[in-house]
Amino acid sequence: MDERELKLNSLARYSKTSPLYVLEEYGHCEIPAGCGGVVLRWRDPRAGIPLHMNMYVNGECEIRLDGAPLPSARPLVPFGKHVLSFTVTGTDPAYTVLSFAALYPPPKERGPVNARGPREAPFSLLTVADASWTYTLDEPADASWTRPGFDDAGWPPMDLREERRPPEDPKRDMDRYRFEWLERLGAAPLGIEGGTRAWIRTEFELTGPETRTGEGGDA
């Protein structure tokens, strides 16, 4: 048996810890892996944080991160300043328009079974009535509103609007669980004043990873 073959069959290939990378373990409900299956994924924590995003919206919604459509409900967001923007159409301003949560680590009910590696600081971005979520009823002239640094001084803040829009068919109320789930996560239901179409934005910042390394606990 030559040296090359020994390296290929080294037990180190199956190591489940690393001082540099995070190992995420997903069950078959999170990523298709067959009945009872599991998917393992190595992730470089220096590249950013995979934010688990949950949303309730009253109407149709197009959501973008820094002007680009989200590739998934758990995008890897790099460190730095960012903007989440929402174009909502067909809304009823008498009720909650938007409730949103972006979390890391994700809720245990929906996240990886386990995550090990360098310790990472938790992060949460929630809808809250503190003037950090602003909107306009007039269509913006260009896409600059979807990126950091945009001056939204003339945009009014969203306010607390706790009543949810009644479902068309009470027997098929598909949004109820999502709305109540977001409330449990701490997201405030927000609304707007008038209009059936709104452009909504919020800015946030992700700071860099902690310098500590080694095996972390469950994420």
N, C-alpha and C. Protein backbone atom coordinates (compact mmCIF):
# COMPACT_ATOMS: atom_id res chain seq x y z
N MET A 1 0.86 -1.20 0.00
CA MET A 1 0.00 0.00 0.00
C MET A 1 0.89 1.25 0.00
N ASP A 2 0.76 2.09 -1.02
CA ASP A 2 1.65 3.23 -1.12
C ASP A 2 1.16 4.39 -0.25
N GLU A 3 2.00 5.45 -0.15
CA GLU A 3 1.71 6.57 0.72
C GLU A 3 0.44 7.30 0.32
N ARG A 4 0.19 7.40 -0.99
CA ARG A 4 -0.99 8.11 -1.48
C ARG A 4 -2.28 7.41 -1.01
N GLU A 5 -2.29 6.10 -1.09
CA GLU A 5 -3.48 5.36 -0.67
C GLU A 5 -3.71 5.49 0.82
N LEU A 6 -2.63 5.55 1.59
CA LEU A 6 -2.77 5.71 3.03
C LEU A 6 -3.43 7.04 3.36
N LYS A 7 -3.06 8.11 2.64
CA LYS A 7 -3.64 9.43 2.89
C LYS A 7 -5.13 9.44 2.55
N LEU A 8 -5.50 8.79 1.46
CA LEU A 8 -6.89 8.77 1.05
C LEU A 8 -7.77 8.06 2.06
N ASN A 9 -7.23 7.09 2.75
CA ASN A 9 -8.02 6.31 3.69
C ASN A 9 -7.77 6.71 5.14
N SER A 10 -7.12 7.85 5.34
CA SER A 10 -6.84 8.32 6.69
C SER A 10 -8.13 8.62 7.43
N LEU A 11 -8.16 8.30 8.72
CA LEU A 11 -9.35 8.58 9.53
C LEU A 11 -9.62 10.07 9.66
N ALA A 12 -8.59 10.90 9.41
CA ALA A 12 -8.78 12.34 9.51
C ALA A 12 -9.80 12.86 8.51
N ARG A 13 -10.00 12.09 7.42
CA ARG A 13 -10.99 12.50 6.41
C ARG A 13 -12.38 12.59 7.02
N TYR A 14 -12.64 11.85 8.08
CA TYR A 14 -13.98 11.76 8.65
C TYR A 14 -14.12 12.59 9.93
N SER A 15 -13.15 13.46 10.18
CA SER A 15 -13.21 14.31 11.36
C SER A 15 -14.41 15.24 11.28
N LYS A 16 -15.11 15.42 12.41
CA LYS A 16 -16.31 16.26 12.44
C LYS A 16 -16.08 17.56 13.21
N THR A 17 -14.83 17.95 13.40
CA THR A 17 -14.51 19.23 14.02
C THR A 17 -13.42 19.91 13.23
N SER A 18 -13.39 21.24 13.28
CA SER A 18 -12.37 22.01 12.59
C SER A 18 -12.21 23.34 13.31
N PRO A 19 -10.98 23.84 13.44
CA PRO A 19 -10.79 25.16 14.05
C PRO A 19 -11.15 26.30 13.12
N LEU A 20 -11.39 26.01 11.84
CA LEU A 20 -11.62 27.07 10.86
C LEU A 20 -13.02 27.04 10.26
N TYR A 21 -13.67 25.89 10.19
CA TYR A 21 -14.94 25.77 9.49
C TYR A 21 -16.04 25.27 10.41
N VAL A 22 -17.27 25.62 10.05
CA VAL A 22 -18.45 25.17 10.78
C VAL A 22 -19.05 23.98 10.04
N LEU A 23 -19.32 22.91 10.77
CA LEU A 23 -19.96 21.74 10.19
C LEU A 23 -21.43 21.78 10.57
N GLU A 24 -22.31 21.86 9.57
CA GLU A 24 -23.74 21.88 9.80
C GLU A 24 -24.33 20.53 9.42
N GLU A 25 -25.22 20.05 10.26
CA GLU A 25 -25.87 18.76 10.05
C GLU A 25 -27.36 18.99 9.87
N TYR A 26 -27.89 18.61 8.72
CA TYR A 26 -29.30 18.83 8.41
C TYR A 26 -30.05 17.51 8.38
N GLY A 27 -31.27 17.53 8.89
CA GLY A 27 -32.13 16.37 8.78
C GLY A 27 -32.84 16.36 7.44
N HIS A 28 -33.56 15.27 7.17
CA HIS A 28 -34.20 15.12 5.86
C HIS A 28 -35.35 16.11 5.66
N CYS A 29 -35.85 16.71 6.75
CA CYS A 29 -36.93 17.68 6.60
C CYS A 29 -36.41 19.04 6.12
N GLU A 30 -35.14 19.35 6.42
CA GLU A 30 -34.56 20.64 6.05
C GLU A 30 -34.00 20.61 4.63
N ILE A 31 -33.30 19.55 4.28
CA ILE A 31 -32.74 19.37 2.94
C ILE A 31 -33.08 17.96 2.48
N PRO A 32 -33.64 17.75 1.27
CA PRO A 32 -34.00 16.39 0.85
C PRO A 32 -32.80 15.44 0.96
N ALA A 33 -32.94 14.45 1.84
CA ALA A 33 -31.86 13.49 2.05
C ALA A 33 -32.40 12.08 2.18
N GLY A 34 -33.64 11.88 1.76
CA GLY A 34 -34.24 10.56 1.89
C GLY A 34 -34.78 10.36 3.29
N CYS A 35 -35.57 9.32 3.46
CA CYS A 35 -36.20 9.04 4.74
C CYS A 35 -35.13 8.73 5.79
N GLY A 36 -35.11 9.52 6.85
CA GLY A 36 -34.15 9.31 7.92
C GLY A 36 -32.73 9.71 7.57
N GLY A 37 -32.55 10.37 6.43
CA GLY A 37 -31.21 10.73 5.98
C GLY A 37 -30.69 11.98 6.66
N VAL A 38 -29.45 12.30 6.38
CA VAL A 38 -28.82 13.48 6.95
C VAL A 38 -27.83 14.04 5.94
N VAL A 39 -27.69 15.36 5.91
CA VAL A 39 -26.75 16.02 5.02
C VAL A 39 -25.76 16.81 5.88
N LEU A 40 -24.47 16.64 5.62
CA LEU A 40 -23.43 17.39 6.31
C LEU A 40 -22.86 18.44 5.35
N ARG A 41 -22.66 19.66 5.87
CA ARG A 41 -22.12 20.73 5.03
C ARG A 41 -21.09 21.53 5.82
N TRP A 42 -19.89 21.69 5.23
CA TRP A 42 -18.88 22.55 5.82
C TRP A 42 -19.13 23.97 5.33
N ARG A 43 -18.97 24.95 6.25
CA ARG A 43 -19.18 26.36 5.90
C ARG A 43 -18.06 27.20 6.49
N ASP A 44 -17.56 28.13 5.69
CA ASP A 44 -16.52 29.04 6.15
C ASP A 44 -17.17 30.19 6.91
N PRO A 45 -17.00 30.30 8.23
CA PRO A 45 -17.67 31.36 9.00
C PRO A 45 -17.18 32.75 8.66
N ARG A 46 -16.04 32.86 7.98
CA ARG A 46 -15.54 34.17 7.59
C ARG A 46 -16.29 34.74 6.39
N ALA A 47 -17.07 33.89 5.71
CA ALA A 47 -17.79 34.33 4.52
C ALA A 47 -19.11 35.01 4.85
N GLY A 48 -19.58 34.88 6.09
CA GLY A 48 -20.85 35.49 6.47
C GLY A 48 -21.67 34.55 7.32
N ILE A 49 -22.96 34.88 7.46
CA ILE A 49 -23.87 34.11 8.31
C ILE A 49 -25.08 33.69 7.49
N PRO A 50 -25.50 32.42 7.59
CA PRO A 50 -26.73 32.00 6.91
C PRO A 50 -27.94 32.42 7.75
N LEU A 51 -28.61 33.47 7.33
CA LEU A 51 -29.76 33.98 8.08
C LEU A 51 -31.03 33.23 7.69
N HIS A 52 -31.72 32.72 8.69
CA HIS A 52 -32.98 32.02 8.47
C HIS A 52 -34.10 33.05 8.46
N MET A 53 -34.78 33.23 7.31
CA MET A 53 -35.76 34.30 7.16
C MET A 53 -37.19 33.75 7.16
N ASN A 54 -38.04 34.42 7.93
CA ASN A 54 -39.45 34.07 8.03
C ASN A 54 -40.26 35.35 7.80
N MET A 55 -41.39 35.24 7.09
CA MET A 55 -42.13 36.45 6.75
C MET A 55 -43.62 36.17 6.67
N TYR A 56 -44.41 37.12 7.16
CA TYR A 56 -45.84 37.19 6.88
C TYR A 56 -46.07 38.51 6.16
N VAL A 57 -46.84 38.47 5.08
CA VAL A 57 -47.11 39.70 4.34
C VAL A 57 -48.57 39.71 3.92
N ASN A 58 -49.16 40.87 3.99
CA ASN A 58 -50.54 41.09 3.60
C ASN A 58 -50.52 41.59 2.15
N GLY A 59 -50.67 40.65 1.20
CA GLY A 59 -50.57 40.97 -0.22
C GLY A 59 -49.45 40.18 -0.88
N GLU A 60 -49.06 40.59 -2.08
CA GLU A 60 -47.94 39.96 -2.79
C GLU A 60 -46.67 40.75 -2.48
N CYS A 61 -45.55 40.02 -2.37
CA CYS A 61 -44.32 40.70 -1.95
C CYS A 61 -43.11 40.22 -2.74
N GLU A 62 -42.28 41.19 -3.12
CA GLU A 62 -40.97 40.90 -3.72
C GLU A 62 -39.93 41.39 -2.73
N ILE A 63 -39.07 40.49 -2.26
CA ILE A 63 -38.06 40.82 -1.28
C ILE A 63 -36.68 40.76 -1.90
N ARG A 64 -35.83 41.73 -1.57
CA ARG A 64 -34.47 41.78 -2.11
C ARG A 64 -33.47 42.11 -1.00
N LEU A 65 -32.26 41.62 -1.18
CA LEU A 65 -31.16 41.93 -0.28
C LEU A 65 -30.13 42.73 -1.08
N ASP A 66 -29.92 43.97 -0.69
CA ASP A 66 -28.99 44.86 -1.41
C ASP A 66 -29.31 44.92 -2.89
N GLY A 67 -30.59 44.90 -3.20
CA GLY A 67 -31.05 45.04 -4.59
C GLY A 67 -31.15 43.76 -5.38
N ALA A 68 -30.72 42.63 -4.82
CA ALA A 68 -30.74 41.36 -5.54
C ALA A 68 -31.78 40.42 -4.93
N PRO A 69 -32.48 39.63 -5.75
CA PRO A 69 -33.44 38.68 -5.20
C PRO A 69 -32.75 37.67 -4.28
N LEU A 70 -33.45 37.23 -3.25
CA LEU A 70 -32.89 36.25 -2.33
C LEU A 70 -32.79 34.89 -3.03
N PRO A 71 -31.64 34.22 -2.94
CA PRO A 71 -31.50 32.91 -3.57
C PRO A 71 -32.27 31.82 -2.85
N SER A 72 -32.57 32.03 -1.55
CA SER A 72 -33.29 31.05 -0.75
C SER A 72 -33.80 31.73 0.50
N ALA A 73 -34.52 30.96 1.34
CA ALA A 73 -35.00 31.49 2.61
C ALA A 73 -33.91 31.48 3.67
N ARG A 74 -32.73 30.96 3.34
CA ARG A 74 -31.60 30.98 4.26
C ARG A 74 -30.34 31.40 3.50
N PRO A 75 -30.29 32.66 3.06
CA PRO A 75 -29.13 33.12 2.28
C PRO A 75 -27.91 33.31 3.17
N LEU A 76 -26.73 33.09 2.59
CA LEU A 76 -25.48 33.38 3.29
C LEU A 76 -25.20 34.87 3.10
N VAL A 77 -25.30 35.65 4.18
CA VAL A 77 -25.17 37.10 4.12
C VAL A 77 -23.77 37.49 4.59
N PRO A 78 -22.97 38.14 3.75
CA PRO A 78 -21.61 38.53 4.17
C PRO A 78 -21.64 39.61 5.23
N PHE A 79 -20.52 39.76 5.95
CA PHE A 79 -20.44 40.76 7.00
C PHE A 79 -20.40 42.16 6.38
N GLY A 80 -20.99 43.12 7.08
CA GLY A 80 -21.04 44.49 6.59
C GLY A 80 -22.45 45.05 6.66
N LYS A 81 -22.66 46.19 6.00
CA LYS A 81 -23.96 46.86 6.01
C LYS A 81 -24.81 46.36 4.85
N HIS A 82 -26.12 46.20 5.12
CA HIS A 82 -27.04 45.65 4.14
C HIS A 82 -28.39 46.34 4.22
N VAL A 83 -29.19 46.12 3.18
CA VAL A 83 -30.57 46.60 3.14
C VAL A 83 -31.48 45.47 2.70
N LEU A 84 -32.54 45.26 3.44
CA LEU A 84 -33.63 44.40 2.99
C LEU A 84 -34.74 45.30 2.48
N SER A 85 -35.21 45.03 1.28
CA SER A 85 -36.27 45.84 0.70
C SER A 85 -37.44 44.95 0.28
N PHE A 86 -38.64 45.49 0.43
CA PHE A 86 -39.86 44.74 0.16
C PHE A 86 -40.77 45.60 -0.72
N THR A 87 -41.21 45.06 -1.83
CA THR A 87 -42.22 45.72 -2.65
C THR A 87 -43.51 44.94 -2.47
N VAL A 88 -44.48 45.56 -1.80
CA VAL A 88 -45.73 44.89 -1.46
C VAL A 88 -46.86 45.46 -2.30
N THR A 89 -47.62 44.58 -2.92
CA THR A 89 -48.76 45.00 -3.74
C THR A 89 -50.02 44.28 -3.28
N GLY A 90 -51.17 44.92 -3.50
CA GLY A 90 -52.44 44.31 -3.14
C GLY A 90 -52.66 44.21 -1.64
N THR A 91 -52.07 45.12 -0.89
CA THR A 91 -52.21 45.07 0.57
C THR A 91 -53.44 45.85 1.03
N ASP A 92 -53.90 45.53 2.21
CA ASP A 92 -54.99 46.28 2.85
C ASP A 92 -54.40 47.00 4.04
N PRO A 93 -54.27 48.34 3.99
CA PRO A 93 -53.59 49.09 5.05
C PRO A 93 -54.34 49.10 6.37
N ALA A 94 -55.55 48.56 6.41
CA ALA A 94 -56.28 48.51 7.67
C ALA A 94 -55.73 47.42 8.59
N TYR A 95 -54.87 46.54 8.05
CA TYR A 95 -54.36 45.41 8.82
C TYR A 95 -52.84 45.37 8.76
N THR A 96 -52.29 44.40 9.49
CA THR A 96 -50.85 44.17 9.44
C THR A 96 -50.41 44.03 7.99
N VAL A 97 -49.35 44.74 7.62
CA VAL A 97 -48.80 44.62 6.27
C VAL A 97 -47.61 43.66 6.25
N LEU A 98 -46.75 43.76 7.27
CA LEU A 98 -45.52 42.95 7.25
C LEU A 98 -45.10 42.57 8.67
N SER A 99 -44.70 41.31 8.79
CA SER A 99 -44.04 40.82 10.00
C SER A 99 -42.88 39.95 9.51
N PHE A 100 -41.68 40.18 10.07
CA PHE A 100 -40.48 39.56 9.50
C PHE A 100 -39.46 39.25 10.58
N ALA A 101 -38.75 38.14 10.39
CA ALA A 101 -37.66 37.77 11.30
C ALA A 101 -36.54 37.12 10.49
N ALA A 102 -35.30 37.57 10.72
CA ALA A 102 -34.11 36.94 10.16
C ALA A 102 -33.22 36.57 11.35
N LEU A 103 -32.91 35.29 11.50
CA LEU A 103 -32.26 34.82 12.72
C LEU A 103 -31.03 33.95 12.43
N TYR A 104 -30.06 34.05 13.32
CA TYR A 104 -28.97 33.08 13.39
C TYR A 104 -28.54 32.95 14.85
N PRO A 105 -28.50 31.73 15.39
CA PRO A 105 -28.89 30.49 14.74
C PRO A 105 -30.39 30.43 14.52
N PRO A 106 -30.85 29.60 13.61
CA PRO A 106 -32.28 29.51 13.34
C PRO A 106 -33.01 28.84 14.49
N PRO A 107 -34.33 29.01 14.55
CA PRO A 107 -35.11 28.31 15.58
C PRO A 107 -34.85 26.81 15.49
N LYS A 108 -34.78 26.15 16.64
CA LYS A 108 -34.46 24.72 16.65
C LYS A 108 -35.45 23.90 15.85
N GLU A 109 -36.70 24.37 15.79
CA GLU A 109 -37.71 23.61 15.06
C GLU A 109 -37.46 23.60 13.56
N ARG A 110 -36.64 24.56 13.07
CA ARG A 110 -36.46 24.68 11.63
C ARG A 110 -34.99 24.71 11.21
N GLY A 111 -34.09 24.61 12.14
CA GLY A 111 -32.68 24.76 11.81
C GLY A 111 -31.95 23.44 11.71
N PRO A 112 -30.61 23.52 11.54
CA PRO A 112 -29.79 22.32 11.49
C PRO A 112 -29.92 21.53 12.77
N VAL A 113 -29.78 20.21 12.67
CA VAL A 113 -29.81 19.36 13.85
C VAL A 113 -28.66 19.74 14.78
N ASN A 114 -27.53 20.07 14.20
CA ASN A 114 -26.34 20.37 14.99
C ASN A 114 -25.40 21.22 14.16
N ALA A 115 -24.58 22.01 14.83
CA ALA A 115 -23.54 22.79 14.14
C ALA A 115 -22.34 22.88 15.06
N ARG A 116 -21.16 22.52 14.55
CA ARG A 116 -19.95 22.52 15.36
C ARG A 116 -18.85 23.28 14.64
N GLY A 117 -17.97 23.89 15.40
CA GLY A 117 -16.85 24.61 14.82
C GLY A 117 -16.58 25.90 15.57
N PRO A 118 -16.00 26.89 14.91
CA PRO A 118 -15.73 28.18 15.56
C PRO A 118 -17.00 28.80 16.11
N ARG A 119 -16.90 29.40 17.29
CA ARG A 119 -18.07 30.02 17.90
C ARG A 119 -18.49 31.25 17.10
N GLU A 120 -19.79 31.39 16.90
CA GLU A 120 -20.34 32.52 16.15
C GLU A 120 -21.36 33.25 17.00
N ALA A 121 -21.34 34.58 16.91
CA ALA A 121 -22.28 35.38 17.69
C ALA A 121 -23.68 35.27 17.10
N PRO A 122 -24.71 35.19 17.94
CA PRO A 122 -26.08 35.15 17.42
C PRO A 122 -26.47 36.49 16.82
N PHE A 123 -27.47 36.46 15.95
CA PHE A 123 -27.95 37.69 15.30
C PHE A 123 -29.45 37.56 15.08
N SER A 124 -30.16 38.67 15.25
CA SER A 124 -31.59 38.69 14.95
C SER A 124 -31.96 40.04 14.35
N LEU A 125 -32.78 39.99 13.32
CA LEU A 125 -33.36 41.19 12.72
C LEU A 125 -34.86 40.97 12.70
N LEU A 126 -35.59 41.81 13.46
CA LEU A 126 -37.03 41.65 13.62
C LEU A 126 -37.75 42.93 13.25
N THR A 127 -38.95 42.79 12.71
CA THR A 127 -39.78 43.98 12.54
C THR A 127 -40.10 44.56 13.91
N VAL A 128 -39.92 45.86 14.03
CA VAL A 128 -40.16 46.55 15.30
C VAL A 128 -40.56 47.99 15.00
N ALA A 129 -41.46 48.52 15.80
CA ALA A 129 -41.97 49.88 15.57
C ALA A 129 -41.06 50.91 16.22
N ASP A 130 -39.83 51.00 15.70
CA ASP A 130 -38.85 51.94 16.27
C ASP A 130 -38.27 52.87 15.21
N ALA A 131 -38.97 53.03 14.09
CA ALA A 131 -38.56 53.90 12.98
C ALA A 131 -37.43 53.32 12.15
N SER A 132 -37.02 52.09 12.40
CA SER A 132 -35.98 51.46 11.58
C SER A 132 -36.56 50.78 10.34
N TRP A 133 -37.88 50.63 10.31
CA TRP A 133 -38.58 50.08 9.14
C TRP A 133 -39.40 51.22 8.54
N THR A 134 -39.00 51.66 7.36
CA THR A 134 -39.66 52.81 6.73
C THR A 134 -40.30 52.40 5.40
N TYR A 135 -41.18 53.26 4.89
CA TYR A 135 -41.89 52.92 3.64
C TYR A 135 -42.24 54.18 2.88
N THR A 136 -42.61 53.98 1.63
CA THR A 136 -43.16 55.05 0.82
C THR A 136 -44.28 54.47 -0.03
N LEU A 137 -45.26 55.31 -0.34
CA LEU A 137 -46.36 54.89 -1.22
C LEU A 137 -46.11 55.34 -2.65
N ASP A 138 -45.04 56.10 -2.87
CA ASP A 138 -44.68 56.58 -4.20
C ASP A 138 -43.53 55.74 -4.75
N GLU A 139 -43.68 55.21 -5.92
CA GLU A 139 -42.66 54.34 -6.48
C GLU A 139 -41.32 55.08 -6.60
N PRO A 140 -40.24 54.52 -6.03
CA PRO A 140 -38.93 55.17 -6.12
C PRO A 140 -38.47 55.34 -7.56
N ALA A 141 -37.69 56.39 -7.78
CA ALA A 141 -37.23 56.71 -9.15
C ALA A 141 -36.24 55.69 -9.68
N ASP A 142 -35.44 55.09 -8.79
CA ASP A 142 -34.45 54.10 -9.23
C ASP A 142 -34.25 53.09 -8.10
N ALA A 143 -33.26 52.22 -8.28
CA ALA A 143 -33.04 51.12 -7.33
C ALA A 143 -32.16 51.51 -6.14
N SER A 144 -31.79 52.78 -6.04
CA SER A 144 -30.89 53.18 -4.95
C SER A 144 -31.50 52.93 -3.57
N TRP A 145 -32.82 52.90 -3.47
CA TRP A 145 -33.48 52.68 -2.18
C TRP A 145 -33.25 51.27 -1.66
N THR A 146 -32.82 50.37 -2.52
CA THR A 146 -32.60 48.98 -2.11
C THR A 146 -31.18 48.72 -1.62
N ARG A 147 -30.36 49.78 -1.55
CA ARG A 147 -28.95 49.60 -1.19
C ARG A 147 -28.58 50.49 0.00
N PRO A 148 -27.51 50.15 0.71
CA PRO A 148 -27.09 50.95 1.87
C PRO A 148 -26.74 52.38 1.45
N GLY A 149 -26.93 53.30 2.38
CA GLY A 149 -26.58 54.70 2.14
C GLY A 149 -27.69 55.54 1.57
N PHE A 150 -28.83 54.94 1.24
CA PHE A 150 -29.94 55.71 0.70
C PHE A 150 -30.54 56.62 1.78
N ASP A 151 -30.86 57.83 1.41
CA ASP A 151 -31.45 58.79 2.35
C ASP A 151 -32.97 58.62 2.35
N ASP A 152 -33.49 57.97 3.39
CA ASP A 152 -34.94 57.75 3.49
C ASP A 152 -35.57 58.69 4.52
N ALA A 153 -34.98 59.87 4.68
CA ALA A 153 -35.47 60.81 5.69
C ALA A 153 -36.93 61.19 5.48
N GLY A 154 -37.39 61.19 4.24
CA GLY A 154 -38.77 61.55 3.97
C GLY A 154 -39.74 60.38 4.02
N TRP A 155 -39.23 59.20 4.33
CA TRP A 155 -40.09 58.02 4.38
C TRP A 155 -40.65 57.86 5.80
N PRO A 156 -41.95 57.73 5.97
CA PRO A 156 -42.51 57.54 7.32
C PRO A 156 -42.19 56.15 7.86
N PRO A 157 -42.09 56.04 9.18
CA PRO A 157 -41.85 54.73 9.77
C PRO A 157 -43.13 53.89 9.79
N MET A 158 -42.98 52.58 9.69
CA MET A 158 -44.13 51.69 9.85
C MET A 158 -44.54 51.71 11.32
N ASP A 159 -45.84 51.56 11.55
CA ASP A 159 -46.33 51.57 12.93
C ASP A 159 -46.90 50.21 13.30
N LEU A 160 -47.15 50.03 14.59
CA LEU A 160 -47.68 48.77 15.08
C LEU A 160 -49.11 48.59 14.60
N ARG A 161 -49.38 47.43 13.99
CA ARG A 161 -50.72 47.13 13.47
C ARG A 161 -50.99 45.65 13.75
N GLU A 162 -51.62 45.36 14.87
CA GLU A 162 -51.67 44.00 15.38
C GLU A 162 -52.76 43.12 14.77
N GLU A 163 -53.75 43.72 14.11
CA GLU A 163 -54.85 42.92 13.58
C GLU A 163 -54.48 42.37 12.20
N ARG A 164 -54.66 41.08 12.04
CA ARG A 164 -54.32 40.42 10.78
C ARG A 164 -55.50 40.45 9.81
N ARG A 165 -55.19 40.56 8.55
CA ARG A 165 -56.22 40.57 7.51
C ARG A 165 -57.00 39.25 7.53
N PRO A 166 -58.33 39.30 7.60
CA PRO A 166 -59.11 38.06 7.65
C PRO A 166 -58.89 37.22 6.39
N PRO A 167 -58.79 35.91 6.53
CA PRO A 167 -58.61 35.05 5.35
C PRO A 167 -59.88 35.00 4.51
N GLU A 168 -59.71 34.79 3.22
CA GLU A 168 -60.87 34.68 2.34
C GLU A 168 -61.72 33.47 2.71
N ASP A 169 -61.06 32.38 3.09
CA ASP A 169 -61.75 31.17 3.51
C ASP A 169 -61.24 30.80 4.91
N PRO A 170 -62.03 31.05 5.96
CA PRO A 170 -61.57 30.75 7.32
C PRO A 170 -61.18 29.29 7.52
N LYS A 171 -61.71 28.39 6.72
CA LYS A 171 -61.39 26.97 6.85
C LYS A 171 -60.03 26.64 6.23
N ARG A 172 -59.50 27.56 5.45
CA ARG A 172 -58.20 27.34 4.82
C ARG A 172 -57.28 28.53 5.13
N ASP A 173 -57.11 28.80 6.41
CA ASP A 173 -56.32 29.94 6.87
C ASP A 173 -54.85 29.54 6.93
N MET A 174 -54.17 29.57 5.79
CA MET A 174 -52.79 29.11 5.69
C MET A 174 -51.80 30.08 6.36
N ASP A 175 -52.20 31.34 6.55
CA ASP A 175 -51.27 32.34 7.09
C ASP A 175 -51.29 32.43 8.61
N ARG A 176 -52.25 31.80 9.22
CA ARG A 176 -52.37 31.93 10.68
C ARG A 176 -51.14 31.41 11.42
N TYR A 177 -50.67 30.23 11.04
CA TYR A 177 -49.51 29.65 11.73
C TYR A 177 -48.29 30.54 11.55
N ARG A 178 -48.07 31.04 10.32
CA ARG A 178 -46.91 31.88 10.05
C ARG A 178 -46.97 33.17 10.88
N PHE A 179 -48.14 33.78 10.96
CA PHE A 179 -48.32 35.01 11.71
C PHE A 179 -48.04 34.79 13.20
N GLU A 180 -48.60 33.73 13.77
CA GLU A 180 -48.41 33.44 15.19
C GLU A 180 -46.98 33.00 15.48
N TRP A 181 -46.37 32.28 14.54
CA TRP A 181 -44.98 31.85 14.70
C TRP A 181 -44.06 33.07 14.81
N LEU A 182 -44.26 34.06 13.97
CA LEU A 182 -43.45 35.26 13.99
C LEU A 182 -43.65 36.04 15.29
N GLU A 183 -44.86 36.07 15.79
CA GLU A 183 -45.09 36.72 17.08
C GLU A 183 -44.31 36.03 18.19
N ARG A 184 -44.25 34.70 18.15
CA ARG A 184 -43.49 33.96 19.16
C ARG A 184 -41.99 34.23 19.04
N LEU A 185 -41.54 34.50 17.83
CA LEU A 185 -40.13 34.82 17.63
C LEU A 185 -39.78 36.23 18.09
N GLY A 186 -40.80 37.06 18.31
CA GLY A 186 -40.57 38.43 18.77
C GLY A 186 -40.74 39.49 17.70
N ALA A 187 -41.19 39.12 16.50
CA ALA A 187 -41.39 40.09 15.43
C ALA A 187 -42.71 40.84 15.64
N ALA A 188 -42.66 42.15 15.52
CA ALA A 188 -43.86 42.97 15.69
C ALA A 188 -44.60 43.08 14.36
N PRO A 189 -45.93 42.98 14.36
CA PRO A 189 -46.71 43.19 13.14
C PRO A 189 -46.80 44.68 12.84
N LEU A 190 -46.37 45.07 11.65
CA LEU A 190 -46.30 46.48 11.30
C LEU A 190 -47.27 46.82 10.17
N GLY A 191 -47.68 48.10 10.13
CA GLY A 191 -48.59 48.55 9.10
C GLY A 191 -48.20 49.88 8.52
N ILE A 192 -49.01 50.34 7.57
CA ILE A 192 -48.77 51.61 6.88
C ILE A 192 -50.04 52.44 6.92
N GLU A 193 -49.94 53.70 6.52
CA GLU A 193 -51.10 54.59 6.48
C GLU A 193 -51.55 54.75 5.04
N GLY A 194 -52.64 54.07 4.67
CA GLY A 194 -53.21 54.23 3.35
C GLY A 194 -52.44 53.51 2.26
N GLY A 195 -53.04 53.40 1.08
CA GLY A 195 -52.38 52.81 -0.07
C GLY A 195 -52.50 51.30 -0.12
N THR A 196 -52.47 50.76 -1.33
CA THR A 196 -52.52 49.31 -1.53
C THR A 196 -51.20 48.77 -2.08
N ARG A 197 -50.20 49.67 -2.22
CA ARG A 197 -48.88 49.27 -2.69
C ARG A 197 -47.85 50.08 -1.91
N ALA A 198 -46.80 49.41 -1.45
CA ALA A 198 -45.81 50.10 -0.61
C ALA A 198 -44.41 49.56 -0.90
N TRP A 199 -43.44 50.45 -0.75
CA TRP A 199 -42.03 50.08 -0.86
C TRP A 199 -41.43 50.23 0.54
N ILE A 200 -40.93 49.15 1.09
CA ILE A 200 -40.49 49.09 2.49
C ILE A 200 -39.01 48.75 2.53
N ARG A 201 -38.28 49.36 3.46
CA ARG A 201 -36.85 49.06 3.57
C ARG A 201 -36.41 49.11 5.03
N THR A 202 -35.33 48.39 5.31
CA THR A 202 -34.65 48.48 6.61
C THR A 202 -33.18 48.18 6.40
N GLU A 203 -32.33 48.90 7.13
CA GLU A 203 -30.89 48.68 7.05
C GLU A 203 -30.41 47.93 8.29
N PHE A 204 -29.39 47.09 8.11
CA PHE A 204 -28.81 46.38 9.25
C PHE A 204 -27.35 46.10 8.95
N GLU A 205 -26.63 45.69 9.98
CA GLU A 205 -25.20 45.41 9.83
C GLU A 205 -24.85 44.10 10.53
N LEU A 206 -24.06 43.28 9.85
CA LEU A 206 -23.52 42.06 10.44
C LEU A 206 -22.06 42.31 10.79
N THR A 207 -21.71 42.09 12.05
CA THR A 207 -20.32 42.25 12.46
C THR A 207 -19.56 40.95 12.24
N GLY A 208 -18.22 41.02 12.23
CA GLY A 208 -17.38 39.87 11.93
C GLY A 208 -17.45 38.79 12.98
N PRO A 209 -16.94 37.60 12.66
CA PRO A 209 -16.99 36.47 13.58
C PRO A 209 -16.09 36.67 14.77
N GLU A 210 -16.39 35.97 15.84
CA GLU A 210 -15.57 36.03 17.03
C GLU A 210 -14.22 35.36 16.75
N THR A 211 -13.23 35.76 17.49
CA THR A 211 -11.88 35.25 17.25
C THR A 211 -11.65 33.90 17.89
N ARG A 212 -12.54 33.48 18.80
CA ARG A 212 -12.35 32.19 19.44
C ARG A 212 -12.56 31.07 18.43
N THR A 213 -11.80 30.02 18.56
CA THR A 213 -11.94 28.86 17.69
C THR A 213 -12.04 27.62 18.55
N GLY A 214 -12.40 26.52 17.88
CA GLY A 214 -12.54 25.27 18.58
C GLY A 214 -13.96 24.76 18.40
N GLU A 215 -14.28 23.66 19.03
CA GLU A 215 -15.59 23.06 18.85
C GLU A 215 -16.63 23.82 19.63
N GLY A 216 -17.68 24.21 18.95
CA GLY A 216 -18.78 24.89 19.62
C GLY A 216 -19.87 23.92 19.99
N GLY A 217 -20.86 24.43 20.69
CA GLY A 217 -21.99 23.60 21.06
C GLY A 217 -23.01 23.58 19.96
N ASP A 218 -24.18 23.07 20.28
CA ASP A 218 -25.25 23.03 19.30
C ASP A 218 -25.67 24.44 18.94
N ALA A 219 -25.88 24.67 17.62
CA ALA A 219 -26.30 26.00 17.19
C ALA A 219 -27.79 26.15 17.34
